[in-house]
Amino acid sequence: QLSAREREIFQLMVEGHSVKEIALTKHITEKTVRKHRTSVMKKLNAQDLGDLVRFAVKRRLTFVDE
């Protein structure tokens, strides 16, 4: 459902990285990161970052550090 780049952005977002950090890491603009974020949220029917984190945890795509 998500492109390879969208999966990368999604993973970094749920790990708590900022748009600026993601842009620097992936060598893309902040605008491009926001575009990917919007696309990911639309495809996953998420309203906010919390929805994305819950999605990732439920599907064991990431874990919650205690």
PDB file of N, CA and C in Angstrom:
ATOM      1  N   GLN A   1       0.817  -1.195   0.000  1.00  0.00           N
ATOM      2  CA  GLN A   1       0.000   0.000   0.000  1.00  0.00           C
ATOM      3  C   GLN A   1       0.863   1.262   0.000  1.00  0.00           C
ATOM      4  N   LEU A   2       1.944   1.250   0.766  1.00  0.00           N
ATOM      5  CA  LEU A   2       2.852   2.397   0.800  1.00  0.00           C
ATOM      6  C   LEU A   2       4.051   2.144  -0.104  1.00  0.00           C
ATOM      7  N   SER A   3       4.537   3.223  -0.716  1.00  0.00           N
ATOM      8  CA  SER A   3       5.755   3.096  -1.520  1.00  0.00           C
ATOM      9  C   SER A   3       6.944   2.892  -0.580  1.00  0.00           C
ATOM     10  N   ALA A   4       8.066   2.521  -1.142  1.00  0.00           N
ATOM     11  CA  ALA A   4       9.273   2.300  -0.334  1.00  0.00           C
ATOM     12  C   ALA A   4       9.648   3.579   0.416  1.00  0.00           C
ATOM     13  N   ARG A   5       9.606   4.711  -0.248  1.00  0.00           N
ATOM     14  CA  ARG A   5       9.959   5.992   0.388  1.00  0.00           C
ATOM     15  C   ARG A   5       8.954   6.339   1.483  1.00  0.00           C
ATOM     16  N   GLU A   6       7.672   6.103   1.217  1.00  0.00           N
ATOM     17  CA  GLU A   6       6.650   6.369   2.226  1.00  0.00           C
ATOM     18  C   GLU A   6       6.870   5.501   3.461  1.00  0.00           C
ATOM     19  N   ARG A   7       7.262   4.247   3.259  1.00  0.00           N
ATOM     20  CA  ARG A   7       7.547   3.364   4.402  1.00  0.00           C
ATOM     21  C   ARG A   7       8.721   3.901   5.218  1.00  0.00           C
ATOM     22  N   GLU A   8       9.739   4.406   4.537  1.00  0.00           N
ATOM     23  CA  GLU A   8      10.892   4.981   5.239  1.00  0.00           C
ATOM     24  C   GLU A   8      10.463   6.188   6.075  1.00  0.00           C
ATOM     25  N   ILE A   9       9.706   7.070   5.469  1.00  0.00           N
ATOM     26  CA  ILE A   9       9.236   8.280   6.161  1.00  0.00           C
ATOM     27  C   ILE A   9       8.332   7.893   7.323  1.00  0.00           C
ATOM     28  N   PHE A  10       7.423   6.952   7.085  1.00  0.00           N
ATOM     29  CA  PHE A  10       6.511   6.469   8.119  1.00  0.00           C
ATOM     30  C   PHE A  10       7.301   5.950   9.319  1.00  0.00           C
ATOM     31  N   GLN A  11       8.300   5.116   9.079  1.00  0.00           N
ATOM     32  CA  GLN A  11       9.101   4.549  10.162  1.00  0.00           C
ATOM     33  C   GLN A  11       9.795   5.639  10.969  1.00  0.00           C
ATOM     34  N   LEU A  12      10.383   6.589  10.286  1.00  0.00           N
ATOM     35  CA  LEU A  12      11.074   7.674  10.982  1.00  0.00           C
ATOM     36  C   LEU A  12      10.102   8.539  11.781  1.00  0.00           C
ATOM     37  N   MET A  13       8.912   8.765  11.235  1.00  0.00           N
ATOM     38  CA  MET A  13       7.906   9.551  11.951  1.00  0.00           C
ATOM     39  C   MET A  13       7.490   8.868  13.241  1.00  0.00           C
ATOM     40  N   VAL A  14       7.183   7.575  13.159  1.00  0.00           N
ATOM     41  CA  VAL A  14       6.717   6.878  14.365  1.00  0.00           C
ATOM     42  C   VAL A  14       7.836   6.704  15.388  1.00  0.00           C
ATOM     43  N   GLU A  15       9.080   6.807  14.940  1.00  0.00           N
ATOM     44  CA  GLU A  15      10.215   6.775  15.871  1.00  0.00           C
ATOM     45  C   GLU A  15      10.429   8.123  16.536  1.00  0.00           C
ATOM     46  N   GLY A  16       9.674   9.143  16.106  1.00  0.00           N
ATOM     47  CA  GLY A  16       9.731  10.444  16.760  1.00  0.00           C
ATOM     48  C   GLY A  16      10.621  11.478  16.110  1.00  0.00           C
ATOM     49  N   HIS A  17      11.099  11.207  14.911  1.00  0.00           N
ATOM     50  CA  HIS A  17      11.944  12.174  14.216  1.00  0.00           C
ATOM     51  C   HIS A  17      11.112  13.324  13.663  1.00  0.00           C
ATOM     52  N   SER A  18      11.676  14.509  13.693  1.00  0.00           N
ATOM     53  CA  SER A  18      10.992  15.697  13.171  1.00  0.00           C
ATOM     54  C   SER A  18      11.096  15.735  11.646  1.00  0.00           C
ATOM     55  N   VAL A  19      10.270  16.573  11.051  1.00  0.00           N
ATOM     56  CA  VAL A  19      10.307  16.758   9.600  1.00  0.00           C
ATOM     57  C   VAL A  19      11.703  17.193   9.175  1.00  0.00           C
ATOM     58  N   LYS A  20      12.287  18.110   9.922  1.00  0.00           N
ATOM     59  CA  LYS A  20      13.625  18.606   9.591  1.00  0.00           C
ATOM     60  C   LYS A  20      14.663  17.488   9.663  1.00  0.00           C
ATOM     61  N   GLU A  21      14.606  16.675  10.709  1.00  0.00           N
ATOM     62  CA  GLU A  21      15.548  15.561  10.858  1.00  0.00           C
ATOM     63  C   GLU A  21      15.405  14.562   9.710  1.00  0.00           C
ATOM     64  N   ILE A  22      14.169  14.253   9.352  1.00  0.00           N
ATOM     65  CA  ILE A  22      13.929  13.310   8.257  1.00  0.00           C
ATOM     66  C   ILE A  22      14.477  13.868   6.953  1.00  0.00           C
ATOM     67  N   ALA A  23      14.211  15.136   6.709  1.00  0.00           N
ATOM     68  CA  ALA A  23      14.697  15.775   5.483  1.00  0.00           C
ATOM     69  C   ALA A  23      16.222  15.707   5.395  1.00  0.00           C
ATOM     70  N   LEU A  24      16.890  16.001   6.488  1.00  0.00           N
ATOM     71  CA  LEU A  24      18.358  15.955   6.495  1.00  0.00           C
ATOM     72  C   LEU A  24      18.875  14.540   6.311  1.00  0.00           C
ATOM     73  N   THR A  25      18.249  13.583   6.975  1.00  0.00           N
ATOM     74  CA  THR A  25      18.668  12.187   6.888  1.00  0.00           C
ATOM     75  C   THR A  25      18.501  11.622   5.486  1.00  0.00           C
ATOM     76  N   LYS A  26      17.376  11.947   4.853  1.00  0.00           N
ATOM     77  CA  LYS A  26      17.044  11.374   3.545  1.00  0.00           C
ATOM     78  C   LYS A  26      17.482  12.262   2.380  1.00  0.00           C
ATOM     79  N   HIS A  27      18.077  13.406   2.700  1.00  0.00           N
ATOM     80  CA  HIS A  27      18.559  14.337   1.671  1.00  0.00           C
ATOM     81  C   HIS A  27      17.433  14.793   0.743  1.00  0.00           C
ATOM     82  N   ILE A  28      16.304  15.154   1.361  1.00  0.00           N
ATOM     83  CA  ILE A  28      15.157  15.697   0.627  1.00  0.00           C
ATOM     84  C   ILE A  28      14.702  16.952   1.353  1.00  0.00           C
ATOM     85  N   THR A  29      13.822  17.711   0.727  1.00  0.00           N
ATOM     86  CA  THR A  29      13.348  18.938   1.356  1.00  0.00           C
ATOM     87  C   THR A  29      12.279  18.634   2.402  1.00  0.00           C
ATOM     88  N   GLU A  30      12.093  19.583   3.311  1.00  0.00           N
ATOM     89  CA  GLU A  30      11.044  19.444   4.318  1.00  0.00           C
ATOM     90  C   GLU A  30       9.670  19.378   3.645  1.00  0.00           C
ATOM     91  N   LYS A  31       9.523  20.112   2.564  1.00  0.00           N
ATOM     92  CA  LYS A  31       8.259  20.088   1.819  1.00  0.00           C
ATOM     93  C   LYS A  31       7.970  18.681   1.295  1.00  0.00           C
ATOM     94  N   THR A  32       8.991  18.001   0.805  1.00  0.00           N
ATOM     95  CA  THR A  32       8.822  16.638   0.302  1.00  0.00           C
ATOM     96  C   THR A  32       8.463  15.689   1.438  1.00  0.00           C
ATOM     97  N   VAL A  33       9.076  15.867   2.601  1.00  0.00           N
ATOM     98  CA  VAL A  33       8.734  15.041   3.763  1.00  0.00           C
ATOM     99  C   VAL A  33       7.271  15.238   4.113  1.00  0.00           C
ATOM    100  N   ARG A  34       6.822  16.489   4.138  1.00  0.00           N
ATOM    101  CA  ARG A  34       5.417  16.770   4.458  1.00  0.00           C
ATOM    102  C   ARG A  34       4.476  16.137   3.435  1.00  0.00           C
ATOM    103  N   LYS A  35       4.880  16.156   2.176  1.00  0.00           N
ATOM    104  CA  LYS A  35       4.066  15.545   1.123  1.00  0.00           C
ATOM    105  C   LYS A  35       3.946  14.038   1.361  1.00  0.00           C
ATOM    106  N   HIS A  36       5.054  13.395   1.672  1.00  0.00           N
ATOM    107  CA  HIS A  36       5.030  11.958   1.967  1.00  0.00           C
ATOM    108  C   HIS A  36       4.180  11.681   3.213  1.00  0.00           C
ATOM    109  N   ARG A  37       4.332  12.522   4.239  1.00  0.00           N
ATOM    110  CA  ARG A  37       3.563  12.353   5.472  1.00  0.00           C
ATOM    111  C   ARG A  37       2.061  12.433   5.185  1.00  0.00           C
ATOM    112  N   THR A  38       1.668  13.407   4.389  1.00  0.00           N
ATOM    113  CA  THR A  38       0.255  13.554   4.025  1.00  0.00           C
ATOM    114  C   THR A  38      -0.240  12.328   3.277  1.00  0.00           C
ATOM    115  N   SER A  39       0.567  11.832   2.360  1.00  0.00           N
ATOM    116  CA  SER A  39       0.198  10.652   1.577  1.00  0.00           C
ATOM    117  C   SER A  39       0.061   9.420   2.469  1.00  0.00           C
ATOM    118  N   VAL A  40       1.002   9.238   3.377  1.00  0.00           N
ATOM    119  CA  VAL A  40       0.959   8.099   4.303  1.00  0.00           C
ATOM    120  C   VAL A  40      -0.300   8.169   5.158  1.00  0.00           C
ATOM    121  N   MET A  41      -0.573   9.345   5.697  1.00  0.00           N
ATOM    122  CA  MET A  41      -1.738   9.500   6.567  1.00  0.00           C
ATOM    123  C   MET A  41      -3.034   9.229   5.811  1.00  0.00           C
ATOM    124  N   LYS A  42      -3.092   9.673   4.575  1.00  0.00           N
ATOM    125  CA  LYS A  42      -4.286   9.434   3.763  1.00  0.00           C
ATOM    126  C   LYS A  42      -4.449   7.941   3.476  1.00  0.00           C
ATOM    127  N   LYS A  43      -3.362   7.293   3.060  1.00  0.00           N
ATOM    128  CA  LYS A  43      -3.421   5.863   2.717  1.00  0.00           C
ATOM    129  C   LYS A  43      -3.759   4.993   3.916  1.00  0.00           C
ATOM    130  N   LEU A  44      -3.315   5.406   5.114  1.00  0.00           N
ATOM    131  CA  LEU A  44      -3.555   4.620   6.317  1.00  0.00           C
ATOM    132  C   LEU A  44      -4.768   5.119   7.106  1.00  0.00           C
ATOM    133  N   ASN A  45      -5.462   6.092   6.527  1.00  0.00           N
ATOM    134  CA  ASN A  45      -6.661   6.659   7.154  1.00  0.00           C
ATOM    135  C   ASN A  45      -6.367   7.154   8.571  1.00  0.00           C
ATOM    136  N   ALA A  46      -5.261   7.867   8.722  1.00  0.00           N
ATOM    137  CA  ALA A  46      -4.837   8.390  10.017  1.00  0.00           C
ATOM    138  C   ALA A  46      -5.160   9.878  10.100  1.00  0.00           C
ATOM    139  N   GLN A  47      -5.609  10.288  11.262  1.00  0.00           N
ATOM    140  CA  GLN A  47      -5.928  11.694  11.485  1.00  0.00           C
ATOM    141  C   GLN A  47      -4.746  12.476  12.052  1.00  0.00           C
ATOM    142  N   ASP A  48      -3.864  11.761  12.763  1.00  0.00           N
ATOM    143  CA  ASP A  48      -2.726  12.431  13.388  1.00  0.00           C
ATOM    144  C   ASP A  48      -1.593  11.425  13.616  1.00  0.00           C
ATOM    145  N   LEU A  49      -0.505  11.927  14.184  1.00  0.00           N
ATOM    146  CA  LEU A  49       0.661  11.075  14.423  1.00  0.00           C
ATOM    147  C   LEU A  49       0.333   9.935  15.384  1.00  0.00           C
ATOM    148  N   GLY A  50      -0.530  10.198  16.351  1.00  0.00           N
ATOM    149  CA  GLY A  50      -0.930   9.162  17.294  1.00  0.00           C
ATOM    150  C   GLY A  50      -1.553   7.969  16.587  1.00  0.00           C
ATOM    151  N   ASP A  51      -2.386   8.231  15.588  1.00  0.00           N
ATOM    152  CA  ASP A  51      -2.986   7.153  14.796  1.00  0.00           C
ATOM    153  C   ASP A  51      -1.905   6.335  14.093  1.00  0.00           C
ATOM    154  N   LEU A  52      -0.901   7.013  13.570  1.00  0.00           N
ATOM    155  CA  LEU A  52       0.183   6.311  12.875  1.00  0.00           C
ATOM    156  C   LEU A  52       0.984   5.441  13.837  1.00  0.00           C
ATOM    157  N   VAL A  53       1.245   5.960  15.020  1.00  0.00           N
ATOM    158  CA  VAL A  53       1.990   5.188  16.018  1.00  0.00           C
ATOM    159  C   VAL A  53       1.192   3.955  16.427  1.00  0.00           C
ATOM    160  N   ARG A  54      -0.104   4.126  16.687  1.00  0.00           N
ATOM    161  CA  ARG A  54      -0.951   2.981  17.054  1.00  0.00           C
ATOM    162  C   ARG A  54      -0.963   1.944  15.939  1.00  0.00           C
ATOM    163  N   PHE A  55      -1.065   2.394  14.693  1.00  0.00           N
ATOM    164  CA  PHE A  55      -1.048   1.501  13.538  1.00  0.00           C
ATOM    165  C   PHE A  55       0.239   0.677  13.533  1.00  0.00           C
ATOM    166  N   ALA A  56       1.365   1.360  13.723  1.00  0.00           N
ATOM    167  CA  ALA A  56       2.674   0.698  13.690  1.00  0.00           C
ATOM    168  C   ALA A  56       2.835  -0.298  14.838  1.00  0.00           C
ATOM    169  N   VAL A  57       2.398   0.075  16.030  1.00  0.00           N
ATOM    170  CA  VAL A  57       2.544  -0.805  17.191  1.00  0.00           C
ATOM    171  C   VAL A  57       1.657  -2.031  17.040  1.00  0.00           C
ATOM    172  N   LYS A  58       0.417  -1.836  16.614  1.00  0.00           N
ATOM    173  CA  LYS A  58      -0.507  -2.962  16.454  1.00  0.00           C
ATOM    174  C   LYS A  58       0.013  -3.979  15.450  1.00  0.00           C
ATOM    175  N   ARG A  59       0.686  -3.507  14.421  1.00  0.00           N
ATOM    176  CA  ARG A  59       1.188  -4.396  13.374  1.00  0.00           C
ATOM    177  C   ARG A  59       2.644  -4.782  13.586  1.00  0.00           C
ATOM    178  N   ARG A  60       3.150  -4.437  14.769  1.00  0.00           N
ATOM    179  CA  ARG A  60       4.528  -4.759  15.158  1.00  0.00           C
ATOM    180  C   ARG A  60       5.577  -4.239  14.167  1.00  0.00           C
ATOM    181  N   LEU A  61       5.297  -3.055  13.629  1.00  0.00           N
ATOM    182  CA  LEU A  61       6.234  -2.409  12.719  1.00  0.00           C
ATOM    183  C   LEU A  61       7.265  -1.590  13.496  1.00  0.00           C
ATOM    184  N   THR A  62       6.930  -1.326  14.746  1.00  0.00           N
ATOM    185  CA  THR A  62       7.825  -0.620  15.649  1.00  0.00           C
ATOM    186  C   THR A  62       7.465  -1.057  17.059  1.00  0.00           C
ATOM    187  N   PHE A  63       8.210  -0.625  18.041  1.00  0.00           N
ATOM    188  CA  PHE A  63       7.899  -0.996  19.414  1.00  0.00           C
ATOM    189  C   PHE A  63       7.931   0.247  20.291  1.00  0.00           C
ATOM    190  N   VAL A  64       7.301   0.146  21.442  1.00  0.00           N
ATOM    191  CA  VAL A  64       7.281   1.238  22.398  1.00  0.00           C
ATOM    192  C   VAL A  64       8.357   0.977  23.433  1.00  0.00           C
ATOM    193  N   ASP A  65       9.269   1.895  23.574  1.00  0.00           N
ATOM    194  CA  ASP A  65      10.367   1.782  24.536  1.00  0.00           C
ATOM    195  C   ASP A  65       9.867   2.232  25.890  1.00  0.00           C
ATOM    196  N   GLU A  66      10.045   1.411  26.908  1.00  0.00           N
ATOM    197  CA  GLU A  66       9.561   1.756  28.251  1.00  0.00           C
ATOM    198  C   GLU A  66      10.678   2.226  29.125  1.00  0.00           C
TER     199      GLU A  66
END
